[in-house]
Amino acid sequence: MAKLNWTNEAEVWLKDIYSYIAVDNPNAAVKVINGIYQKAQLLLDYPEIGYQYNAGIDGNIRILLYGHYRIAYLIKENRNIDILGVFHGALAIERYL
């Protein structure tokens, strides 16, 4: 079975998202983070559910949508999945991937 790995950078993005939302509404921040986490769990059963962002030398980078957020992930050759980051839809994702 495939494994899901949250990279350190992805964890930093999640903490930043939580901190930003929690300033106004800590309960909403928890719900958003839990929602992102639950959405990413779908990748264990459906790794290609997200749209293809870039299939190049670095592998098969895909994007899974959750609300206003884009979950960027990489399907590795061994079928394990690395979550690369979680980006708000307003960000220019090209700067980070």
PDB file of N, CA and C in Angstrom:
ATOM      1  N   MET A   1       0.843  -1.186   0.000  1.00  0.00           N
ATOM      2  CA  MET A   1       0.000   0.000   0.000  1.00  0.00           C
ATOM      3  C   MET A   1       0.883   1.243   0.000  1.00  0.00           C
ATOM      4  N   ALA A   2       0.447   2.236  -0.716  1.00  0.00           N
ATOM      5  CA  ALA A   2       1.186   3.499  -0.792  1.00  0.00           C
ATOM      6  C   ALA A   2       1.196   4.203   0.567  1.00  0.00           C
ATOM      7  N   LYS A   3       2.227   5.025   0.747  1.00  0.00           N
ATOM      8  CA  LYS A   3       2.342   5.824   1.966  1.00  0.00           C
ATOM      9  C   LYS A   3       2.262   7.296   1.595  1.00  0.00           C
ATOM     10  N   LEU A   4       1.698   8.068   2.506  1.00  0.00           N
ATOM     11  CA  LEU A   4       1.568   9.508   2.324  1.00  0.00           C
ATOM     12  C   LEU A   4       2.574  10.194   3.236  1.00  0.00           C
ATOM     13  N   ASN A   5       3.425  11.019   2.640  1.00  0.00           N
ATOM     14  CA  ASN A   5       4.461  11.721   3.397  1.00  0.00           C
ATOM     15  C   ASN A   5       4.267  13.223   3.254  1.00  0.00           C
ATOM     16  N   TRP A   6       4.095  13.901   4.389  1.00  0.00           N
ATOM     17  CA  TRP A   6       4.014  15.367   4.393  1.00  0.00           C
ATOM     18  C   TRP A   6       5.436  15.896   4.536  1.00  0.00           C
ATOM     19  N   THR A   7       5.904  16.604   3.524  1.00  0.00           N
ATOM     20  CA  THR A   7       7.251  17.172   3.599  1.00  0.00           C
ATOM     21  C   THR A   7       7.291  18.262   4.664  1.00  0.00           C
ATOM     22  N   ASN A   8       8.492  18.595   5.096  1.00  0.00           N
ATOM     23  CA  ASN A   8       8.640  19.662   6.092  1.00  0.00           C
ATOM     24  C   ASN A   8       8.044  20.970   5.579  1.00  0.00           C
ATOM     25  N   GLU A   9       8.256  21.250   4.306  1.00  0.00           N
ATOM     26  CA  GLU A   9       7.722  22.479   3.730  1.00  0.00           C
ATOM     27  C   GLU A   9       6.192  22.478   3.758  1.00  0.00           C
ATOM     28  N   ALA A  10       5.580  21.336   3.464  1.00  0.00           N
ATOM     29  CA  ALA A  10       4.121  21.241   3.505  1.00  0.00           C
ATOM     30  C   ALA A  10       3.601  21.478   4.918  1.00  0.00           C
ATOM     31  N   GLU A  11       4.302  20.954   5.903  1.00  0.00           N
ATOM     32  CA  GLU A  11       3.901  21.164   7.287  1.00  0.00           C
ATOM     33  C   GLU A  11       4.011  22.635   7.673  1.00  0.00           C
ATOM     34  N   VAL A  12       5.026  23.319   7.178  1.00  0.00           N
ATOM     35  CA  VAL A  12       5.168  24.757   7.437  1.00  0.00           C
ATOM     36  C   VAL A  12       3.995  25.511   6.812  1.00  0.00           C
ATOM     37  N   TRP A  13       3.617  25.147   5.579  1.00  0.00           N
ATOM     38  CA  TRP A  13       2.476  25.789   4.933  1.00  0.00           C
ATOM     39  C   TRP A  13       1.210  25.595   5.770  1.00  0.00           C
ATOM     40  N   LEU A  14       0.983  24.377   6.268  1.00  0.00           N
ATOM     41  CA  LEU A  14      -0.201  24.119   7.088  1.00  0.00           C
ATOM     42  C   LEU A  14      -0.201  24.973   8.349  1.00  0.00           C
ATOM     43  N   LYS A  15       0.939  25.084   8.994  1.00  0.00           N
ATOM     44  CA  LYS A  15       1.034  25.914  10.202  1.00  0.00           C
ATOM     45  C   LYS A  15       0.749  27.374   9.880  1.00  0.00           C
ATOM     46  N   ASP A  16       1.256  27.845   8.756  1.00  0.00           N
ATOM     47  CA  ASP A  16       1.012  29.229   8.346  1.00  0.00           C
ATOM     48  C   ASP A  16      -0.470  29.464   8.053  1.00  0.00           C
ATOM     49  N   ILE A  17      -1.096  28.523   7.381  1.00  0.00           N
ATOM     50  CA  ILE A  17      -2.528  28.634   7.086  1.00  0.00           C
ATOM     51  C   ILE A  17      -3.315  28.677   8.391  1.00  0.00           C
ATOM     52  N   TYR A  18      -2.984  27.764   9.288  1.00  0.00           N
ATOM     53  CA  TYR A  18      -3.670  27.733  10.583  1.00  0.00           C
ATOM     54  C   TYR A  18      -3.504  29.063  11.320  1.00  0.00           C
ATOM     55  N   SER A  19      -2.282  29.541  11.401  1.00  0.00           N
ATOM     56  CA  SER A  19      -2.003  30.786  12.132  1.00  0.00           C
ATOM     57  C   SER A  19      -2.769  31.968  11.542  1.00  0.00           C
ATOM     58  N   TYR A  20      -2.823  32.035  10.232  1.00  0.00           N
ATOM     59  CA  TYR A  20      -3.508  33.139   9.567  1.00  0.00           C
ATOM     60  C   TYR A  20      -5.005  33.130   9.881  1.00  0.00           C
ATOM     61  N   ILE A  21      -5.625  31.965   9.754  1.00  0.00           N
ATOM     62  CA  ILE A  21      -7.074  31.864   9.994  1.00  0.00           C
ATOM     63  C   ILE A  21      -7.398  32.006  11.479  1.00  0.00           C
ATOM     64  N   ALA A  22      -6.548  31.453  12.342  1.00  0.00           N
ATOM     65  CA  ALA A  22      -6.815  31.431  13.780  1.00  0.00           C
ATOM     66  C   ALA A  22      -6.840  32.819  14.404  1.00  0.00           C
ATOM     67  N   VAL A  23      -6.216  33.780  13.768  1.00  0.00           N
ATOM     68  CA  VAL A  23      -6.256  35.149  14.298  1.00  0.00           C
ATOM     69  C   VAL A  23      -7.710  35.597  14.461  1.00  0.00           C
ATOM     70  N   ASP A  24      -8.546  35.274  13.475  1.00  0.00           N
ATOM     71  CA  ASP A  24      -9.952  35.671  13.511  1.00  0.00           C
ATOM     72  C   ASP A  24     -10.873  34.588  14.059  1.00  0.00           C
ATOM     73  N   ASN A  25     -10.522  33.323  13.797  1.00  0.00           N
ATOM     74  CA  ASN A  25     -11.431  32.249  14.171  1.00  0.00           C
ATOM     75  C   ASN A  25     -10.674  30.926  14.348  1.00  0.00           C
ATOM     76  N   PRO A  26     -10.241  30.632  15.578  1.00  0.00           N
ATOM     77  CA  PRO A  26      -9.485  29.389  15.825  1.00  0.00           C
ATOM     78  C   PRO A  26     -10.251  28.125  15.443  1.00  0.00           C
ATOM     79  N   ASN A  27     -11.572  28.115  15.653  1.00  0.00           N
ATOM     80  CA  ASN A  27     -12.354  26.926  15.297  1.00  0.00           C
ATOM     81  C   ASN A  27     -12.358  26.699  13.785  1.00  0.00           C
ATOM     82  N   ALA A  28     -12.485  27.765  13.038  1.00  0.00           N
ATOM     83  CA  ALA A  28     -12.452  27.643  11.580  1.00  0.00           C
ATOM     84  C   ALA A  28     -11.079  27.171  11.123  1.00  0.00           C
ATOM     85  N   ALA A  29     -10.023  27.635  11.786  1.00  0.00           N
ATOM     86  CA  ALA A  29      -8.664  27.220  11.428  1.00  0.00           C
ATOM     87  C   ALA A  29      -8.503  25.716  11.589  1.00  0.00           C
ATOM     88  N   VAL A  30      -9.013  25.185  12.678  1.00  0.00           N
ATOM     89  CA  VAL A  30      -8.939  23.736  12.915  1.00  0.00           C
ATOM     90  C   VAL A  30      -9.713  22.983  11.840  1.00  0.00           C
ATOM     91  N   LYS A  31     -10.899  23.488  11.488  1.00  0.00           N
ATOM     92  CA  LYS A  31     -11.711  22.824  10.466  1.00  0.00           C
ATOM     93  C   LYS A  31     -11.018  22.821   9.106  1.00  0.00           C
ATOM     94  N   VAL A  32     -10.386  23.924   8.746  1.00  0.00           N
ATOM     95  CA  VAL A  32      -9.697  23.990   7.455  1.00  0.00           C
ATOM     96  C   VAL A  32      -8.526  23.015   7.424  1.00  0.00           C
ATOM     97  N   ILE A  33      -7.722  23.006   8.460  1.00  0.00           N
ATOM     98  CA  ILE A  33      -6.562  22.106   8.493  1.00  0.00           C
ATOM     99  C   ILE A  33      -7.006  20.652   8.478  1.00  0.00           C
ATOM    100  N   ASN A  34      -8.030  20.330   9.262  1.00  0.00           N
ATOM    101  CA  ASN A  34      -8.545  18.952   9.256  1.00  0.00           C
ATOM    102  C   ASN A  34      -9.107  18.589   7.887  1.00  0.00           C
ATOM    103  N   GLY A  35      -9.781  19.530   7.232  1.00  0.00           N
ATOM    104  CA  GLY A  35     -10.327  19.283   5.906  1.00  0.00           C
ATOM    105  C   GLY A  35      -9.236  19.018   4.879  1.00  0.00           C
ATOM    106  N   ILE A  36      -8.176  19.805   4.941  1.00  0.00           N
ATOM    107  CA  ILE A  36      -7.045  19.605   4.031  1.00  0.00           C
ATOM    108  C   ILE A  36      -6.426  18.225   4.267  1.00  0.00           C
ATOM    109  N   TYR A  37      -6.227  17.893   5.524  1.00  0.00           N
ATOM    110  CA  TYR A  37      -5.643  16.595   5.865  1.00  0.00           C
ATOM    111  C   TYR A  37      -6.533  15.449   5.359  1.00  0.00           C
ATOM    112  N   GLN A  38      -7.842  15.543   5.596  1.00  0.00           N
ATOM    113  CA  GLN A  38      -8.756  14.485   5.163  1.00  0.00           C
ATOM    114  C   GLN A  38      -8.793  14.366   3.640  1.00  0.00           C
ATOM    115  N   LYS A  39      -8.775  15.488   2.960  1.00  0.00           N
ATOM    116  CA  LYS A  39      -8.776  15.467   1.486  1.00  0.00           C
ATOM    117  C   LYS A  39      -7.521  14.754   0.977  1.00  0.00           C
ATOM    118  N   ALA A  40      -6.378  15.048   1.595  1.00  0.00           N
ATOM    119  CA  ALA A  40      -5.125  14.411   1.178  1.00  0.00           C
ATOM    120  C   ALA A  40      -5.156  12.900   1.412  1.00  0.00           C
ATOM    121  N   GLN A  41      -5.891  12.442   2.406  1.00  0.00           N
ATOM    122  CA  GLN A  41      -5.978  11.009   2.671  1.00  0.00           C
ATOM    123  C   GLN A  41      -6.605  10.252   1.504  1.00  0.00           C
ATOM    124  N   LEU A  42      -7.420  10.926   0.697  1.00  0.00           N
ATOM    125  CA  LEU A  42      -8.012  10.285  -0.480  1.00  0.00           C
ATOM    126  C   LEU A  42      -6.948   9.790  -1.451  1.00  0.00           C
ATOM    127  N   LEU A  43      -5.790  10.424  -1.414  1.00  0.00           N
ATOM    128  CA  LEU A  43      -4.717  10.062  -2.341  1.00  0.00           C
ATOM    129  C   LEU A  43      -4.214   8.642  -2.125  1.00  0.00           C
ATOM    130  N   LEU A  44      -4.383   8.119  -0.928  1.00  0.00           N
ATOM    131  CA  LEU A  44      -3.946   6.746  -0.665  1.00  0.00           C
ATOM    132  C   LEU A  44      -4.721   5.746  -1.525  1.00  0.00           C
ATOM    133  N   ASP A  45      -5.996   6.021  -1.750  1.00  0.00           N
ATOM    134  CA  ASP A  45      -6.814   5.132  -2.578  1.00  0.00           C
ATOM    135  C   ASP A  45      -6.904   5.589  -4.028  1.00  0.00           C
ATOM    136  N   TYR A  46      -6.788   6.898  -4.247  1.00  0.00           N
ATOM    137  CA  TYR A  46      -6.943   7.467  -5.586  1.00  0.00           C
ATOM    138  C   TYR A  46      -5.807   8.446  -5.866  1.00  0.00           C
ATOM    139  N   PRO A  47      -4.602   7.959  -6.071  1.00  0.00           N
ATOM    140  CA  PRO A  47      -3.442   8.849  -6.184  1.00  0.00           C
ATOM    141  C   PRO A  47      -3.485   9.808  -7.379  1.00  0.00           C
ATOM    142  N   GLU A  48      -4.231   9.487  -8.397  1.00  0.00           N
ATOM    143  CA  GLU A  48      -4.266  10.352  -9.577  1.00  0.00           C
ATOM    144  C   GLU A  48      -5.534  11.193  -9.643  1.00  0.00           C
ATOM    145  N   ILE A  49      -6.191  11.385  -8.498  1.00  0.00           N
ATOM    146  CA  ILE A  49      -7.432  12.152  -8.449  1.00  0.00           C
ATOM    147  C   ILE A  49      -7.205  13.631  -8.771  1.00  0.00           C
ATOM    148  N   GLY A  50      -6.040  14.140  -8.452  1.00  0.00           N
ATOM    149  CA  GLY A  50      -5.742  15.540  -8.728  1.00  0.00           C
ATOM    150  C   GLY A  50      -5.355  15.743 -10.182  1.00  0.00           C
ATOM    151  N   TYR A  51      -5.442  16.994 -10.634  1.00  0.00           N
ATOM    152  CA  TYR A  51      -5.067  17.252 -12.026  1.00  0.00           C
ATOM    153  C   TYR A  51      -3.550  17.320 -12.152  1.00  0.00           C
ATOM    154  N   GLN A  52      -3.061  16.975 -13.318  1.00  0.00           N
ATOM    155  CA  GLN A  52      -1.627  16.938 -13.568  1.00  0.00           C
ATOM    156  C   GLN A  52      -1.097  18.358 -13.703  1.00  0.00           C
ATOM    157  N   TYR A  53      -0.119  18.686 -12.889  1.00  0.00           N
ATOM    158  CA  TYR A  53       0.499  20.009 -12.947  1.00  0.00           C
ATOM    159  C   TYR A  53       1.742  19.980 -13.827  1.00  0.00           C
ATOM    160  N   ASN A  54       2.589  18.996 -13.565  1.00  0.00           N
ATOM    161  CA  ASN A  54       3.848  18.917 -14.298  1.00  0.00           C
ATOM    162  C   ASN A  54       4.347  17.477 -14.274  1.00  0.00           C
ATOM    163  N   ALA A  55       4.483  16.901 -15.426  1.00  0.00           N
ATOM    164  CA  ALA A  55       5.064  15.561 -15.522  1.00  0.00           C
ATOM    165  C   ALA A  55       6.387  15.707 -16.245  1.00  0.00           C
ATOM    166  N   GLY A  56       7.426  15.939 -15.505  1.00  0.00           N
ATOM    167  CA  GLY A  56       8.733  16.149 -16.103  1.00  0.00           C
ATOM    168  C   GLY A  56       9.772  15.292 -15.429  1.00  0.00           C
ATOM    169  N   ILE A  57      10.963  15.787 -15.447  1.00  0.00           N
ATOM    170  CA  ILE A  57      12.094  15.074 -14.855  1.00  0.00           C
ATOM    171  C   ILE A  57      11.855  14.791 -13.384  1.00  0.00           C
ATOM    172  N   ASP A  58      11.222  15.727 -12.688  1.00  0.00           N
ATOM    173  CA  ASP A  58      11.006  15.578 -11.245  1.00  0.00           C
ATOM    174  C   ASP A  58       9.906  14.587 -10.909  1.00  0.00           C
ATOM    175  N   GLY A  59       9.202  14.110 -11.889  1.00  0.00           N
ATOM    176  CA  GLY A  59       8.161  13.134 -11.617  1.00  0.00           C
ATOM    177  C   GLY A  59       6.781  13.656 -11.952  1.00  0.00           C
ATOM    178  N   ASN A  60       5.813  13.077 -11.324  1.00  0.00           N
ATOM    179  CA  ASN A  60       4.418  13.333 -11.622  1.00  0.00           C
ATOM    180  C   ASN A  60       3.812  14.238 -10.554  1.00  0.00           C
ATOM    181  N   ILE A  61       3.954  15.559 -10.727  1.00  0.00           N
ATOM    182  CA  ILE A  61       3.399  16.514  -9.777  1.00  0.00           C
ATOM    183  C   ILE A  61       1.946  16.764 -10.150  1.00  0.00           C
ATOM    184  N   ARG A  62       1.085  16.667  -9.153  1.00  0.00           N
ATOM    185  CA  ARG A  62      -0.342  16.843  -9.359  1.00  0.00           C
ATOM    186  C   ARG A  62      -0.884  17.809  -8.315  1.00  0.00           C
ATOM    187  N   ILE A  63      -2.090  18.323  -8.569  1.00  0.00           N
ATOM    188  CA  ILE A  63      -2.738  19.272  -7.676  1.00  0.00           C
ATOM    189  C   ILE A  63      -4.120  18.742  -7.312  1.00  0.00           C
ATOM    190  N   LEU A  64      -4.390  18.698  -6.019  1.00  0.00           N
ATOM    191  CA  LEU A  64      -5.692  18.307  -5.498  1.00  0.00           C
ATOM    192  C   LEU A  64      -6.313  19.546  -4.867  1.00  0.00           C
ATOM    193  N   LEU A  65      -7.554  19.836  -5.220  1.00  0.00           N
ATOM    194  CA  LEU A  65      -8.209  21.037  -4.720  1.00  0.00           C
ATOM    195  C   LEU A  65      -8.997  20.758  -3.443  1.00  0.00           C
ATOM    196  N   TYR A  66      -8.920  21.726  -2.522  1.00  0.00           N
ATOM    197  CA  TYR A  66      -9.761  21.711  -1.323  1.00  0.00           C
ATOM    198  C   TYR A  66     -10.155  23.157  -1.038  1.00  0.00           C
ATOM    199  N   GLY A  67     -11.384  23.490  -1.316  1.00  0.00           N
ATOM    200  CA  GLY A  67     -11.836  24.864  -1.116  1.00  0.00           C
ATOM    201  C   GLY A  67     -10.969  25.828  -1.897  1.00  0.00           C
ATOM    202  N   HIS A  68     -10.421  26.814  -1.201  1.00  0.00           N
ATOM    203  CA  HIS A  68      -9.553  27.814  -1.829  1.00  0.00           C
ATOM    204  C   HIS A  68      -8.098  27.360  -1.889  1.00  0.00           C
ATOM    205  N   TYR A  69      -7.820  26.150  -1.497  1.00  0.00           N
ATOM    206  CA  TYR A  69      -6.443  25.667  -1.388  1.00  0.00           C
ATOM    207  C   TYR A  69      -6.119  24.617  -2.430  1.00  0.00           C
ATOM    208  N   ARG A  70      -4.842  24.604  -2.811  1.00  0.00           N
ATOM    209  CA  ARG A  70      -4.320  23.609  -3.744  1.00  0.00           C
ATOM    210  C   ARG A  70      -3.276  22.780  -2.992  1.00  0.00           C
ATOM    211  N   ILE A  71      -3.489  21.494  -2.974  1.00  0.00           N
ATOM    212  CA  ILE A  71      -2.563  20.564  -2.334  1.00  0.00           C
ATOM    213  C   ILE A  71      -1.675  20.002  -3.441  1.00  0.00           C
ATOM    214  N   ALA A  72      -0.410  20.384  -3.429  1.00  0.00           N
ATOM    215  CA  ALA A  72       0.537  19.919  -4.446  1.00  0.00           C
ATOM    216  C   ALA A  72       1.202  18.642  -3.946  1.00  0.00           C
ATOM    217  N   TYR A  73       1.240  17.637  -4.804  1.00  0.00           N
ATOM    218  CA  TYR A  73       1.840  16.370  -4.392  1.00  0.00           C
ATOM    219  C   TYR A  73       2.574  15.711  -5.551  1.00  0.00           C
ATOM    220  N   LEU A  74       3.450  14.821  -5.176  1.00  0.00           N
ATOM    221  CA  LEU A  74       4.284  14.099  -6.124  1.00  0.00           C
ATOM    222  C   LEU A  74       4.050  12.609  -5.949  1.00  0.00           C
ATOM    223  N   ILE A  75       3.683  11.954  -7.036  1.00  0.00           N
ATOM    224  CA  ILE A  75       3.574  10.495  -7.019  1.00  0.00           C
ATOM    225  C   ILE A  75       4.950   9.963  -7.401  1.00  0.00           C
ATOM    226  N   LYS A  76       5.565   9.263  -6.479  1.00  0.00           N
ATOM    227  CA  LYS A  76       6.912   8.752  -6.703  1.00  0.00           C
ATOM    228  C   LYS A  76       6.866   7.420  -7.446  1.00  0.00           C
ATOM    229  N   GLU A  77       8.014   6.996  -7.943  1.00  0.00           N
ATOM    230  CA  GLU A  77       8.087   5.747  -8.710  1.00  0.00           C
ATOM    231  C   GLU A  77       7.596   4.547  -7.915  1.00  0.00           C
ATOM    232  N   ASN A  78       7.807   4.546  -6.614  1.00  0.00           N
ATOM    233  CA  ASN A  78       7.370   3.430  -5.774  1.00  0.00           C
ATOM    234  C   ASN A  78       5.897   3.561  -5.372  1.00  0.00           C
ATOM    235  N   ARG A  79       5.187   4.543  -5.964  1.00  0.00           N
ATOM    236  CA  ARG A  79       3.762   4.829  -5.757  1.00  0.00           C
ATOM    237  C   ARG A  79       3.481   5.532  -4.427  1.00  0.00           C
ATOM    238  N   ASN A  80       4.518   5.784  -3.612  1.00  0.00           N
ATOM    239  CA  ASN A  80       4.317   6.598  -2.419  1.00  0.00           C
ATOM    240  C   ASN A  80       4.082   8.035  -2.853  1.00  0.00           C
ATOM    241  N   ILE A  81       3.487   8.824  -1.973  1.00  0.00           N
ATOM    242  CA  ILE A  81       3.084  10.178  -2.317  1.00  0.00           C
ATOM    243  C   ILE A  81       3.703  11.170  -1.338  1.00  0.00           C
ATOM    244  N   ASP A  82       4.356  12.185  -1.879  1.00  0.00           N
ATOM    245  CA  ASP A  82       4.892  13.280  -1.069  1.00  0.00           C
ATOM    246  C   ASP A  82       3.998  14.500  -1.250  1.00  0.00           C
ATOM    247  N   ILE A  83       3.479  15.018  -0.138  1.00  0.00           N
ATOM    248  CA  ILE A  83       2.753  16.280  -0.182  1.00  0.00           C
ATOM    249  C   ILE A  83       3.813  17.377  -0.172  1.00  0.00           C
ATOM    250  N   LEU A  84       3.858  18.165  -1.233  1.00  0.00           N
ATOM    251  CA  LEU A  84       4.904  19.172  -1.404  1.00  0.00           C
ATOM    252  C   LEU A  84       4.548  20.503  -0.765  1.00  0.00           C
ATOM    253  N   GLY A  85       3.273  20.814  -0.730  1.00  0.00           N
ATOM    254  CA  GLY A  85       2.847  22.084  -0.159  1.00  0.00           C
ATOM    255  C   GLY A  85       1.350  22.256  -0.277  1.00  0.00           C
ATOM    256  N   VAL A  86       0.830  23.229   0.466  1.00  0.00           N
ATOM    257  CA  VAL A  86      -0.579  23.583   0.410  1.00  0.00           C
ATOM    258  C   VAL A  86      -0.633  25.080   0.159  1.00  0.00           C
ATOM    259  N   PHE A  87      -1.216  25.461  -0.959  1.00  0.00           N
ATOM    260  CA  PHE A  87      -1.156  26.842  -1.413  1.00  0.00           C
ATOM    261  C   PHE A  87      -2.550  27.432  -1.565  1.00  0.00           C
ATOM    262  N   HIS A  88      -2.702  28.668  -1.136  1.00  0.00           N
ATOM    263  CA  HIS A  88      -3.960  29.367  -1.374  1.00  0.00           C
ATOM    264  C   HIS A  88      -4.081  29.601  -2.874  1.00  0.00           C
ATOM    265  N   GLY A  89      -5.288  29.555  -3.373  1.00  0.00           N
ATOM    266  CA  GLY A  89      -5.530  29.708  -4.800  1.00  0.00           C
ATOM    267  C   GLY A  89      -5.046  31.022  -5.375  1.00  0.00           C
ATOM    268  N   ALA A  90      -4.898  32.060  -4.533  1.00  0.00           N
ATOM    269  CA  ALA A  90      -4.455  33.361  -5.022  1.00  0.00           C
ATOM    270  C   ALA A  90      -2.941  33.430  -5.238  1.00  0.00           C
ATOM    271  N   LEU A  91      -2.207  32.464  -4.709  1.00  0.00           N
ATOM    272  CA  LEU A  91      -0.754  32.472  -4.858  1.00  0.00           C
ATOM    273  C   LEU A  91      -0.330  31.986  -6.237  1.00  0.00           C
ATOM    274  N   ALA A  92       0.755  32.535  -6.723  1.00  0.00           N
ATOM    275  CA  ALA A  92       1.342  32.056  -7.969  1.00  0.00           C
ATOM    276  C   ALA A  92       2.144  30.798  -7.649  1.00  0.00           C
ATOM    277  N   ILE A  93       1.521  29.662  -7.816  1.00  0.00           N
ATOM    278  CA  ILE A  93       2.105  28.386  -7.412  1.00  0.00           C
ATOM    279  C   ILE A  93       3.428  28.099  -8.137  1.00  0.00           C
ATOM    280  N   GLU A  94       3.583  28.658  -9.328  1.00  0.00           N
ATOM    281  CA  GLU A  94       4.803  28.432 -10.115  1.00  0.00           C
ATOM    282  C   GLU A  94       6.047  28.879  -9.360  1.00  0.00           C
ATOM    283  N   ARG A  95       5.907  29.831  -8.480  1.00  0.00           N
ATOM    284  CA  ARG A  95       7.050  30.340  -7.717  1.00  0.00           C
ATOM    285  C   ARG A  95       7.554  29.330  -6.700  1.00  0.00           C
ATOM    286  N   TYR A  96       6.726  28.367  -6.369  1.00  0.00           N
ATOM    287  CA  TYR A  96       7.061  27.435  -5.290  1.00  0.00           C
ATOM    288  C   TYR A  96       7.346  26.030  -5.762  1.00  0.00           C
ATOM    289  N   LEU A  97       6.881  25.675  -6.938  1.00  0.00           N
ATOM    290  CA  LEU A  97       7.097  24.309  -7.425  1.00  0.00           C
ATOM    291  C   LEU A  97       8.131  24.274  -8.531  1.00  0.00           C
TER     292      LEU A  97
END
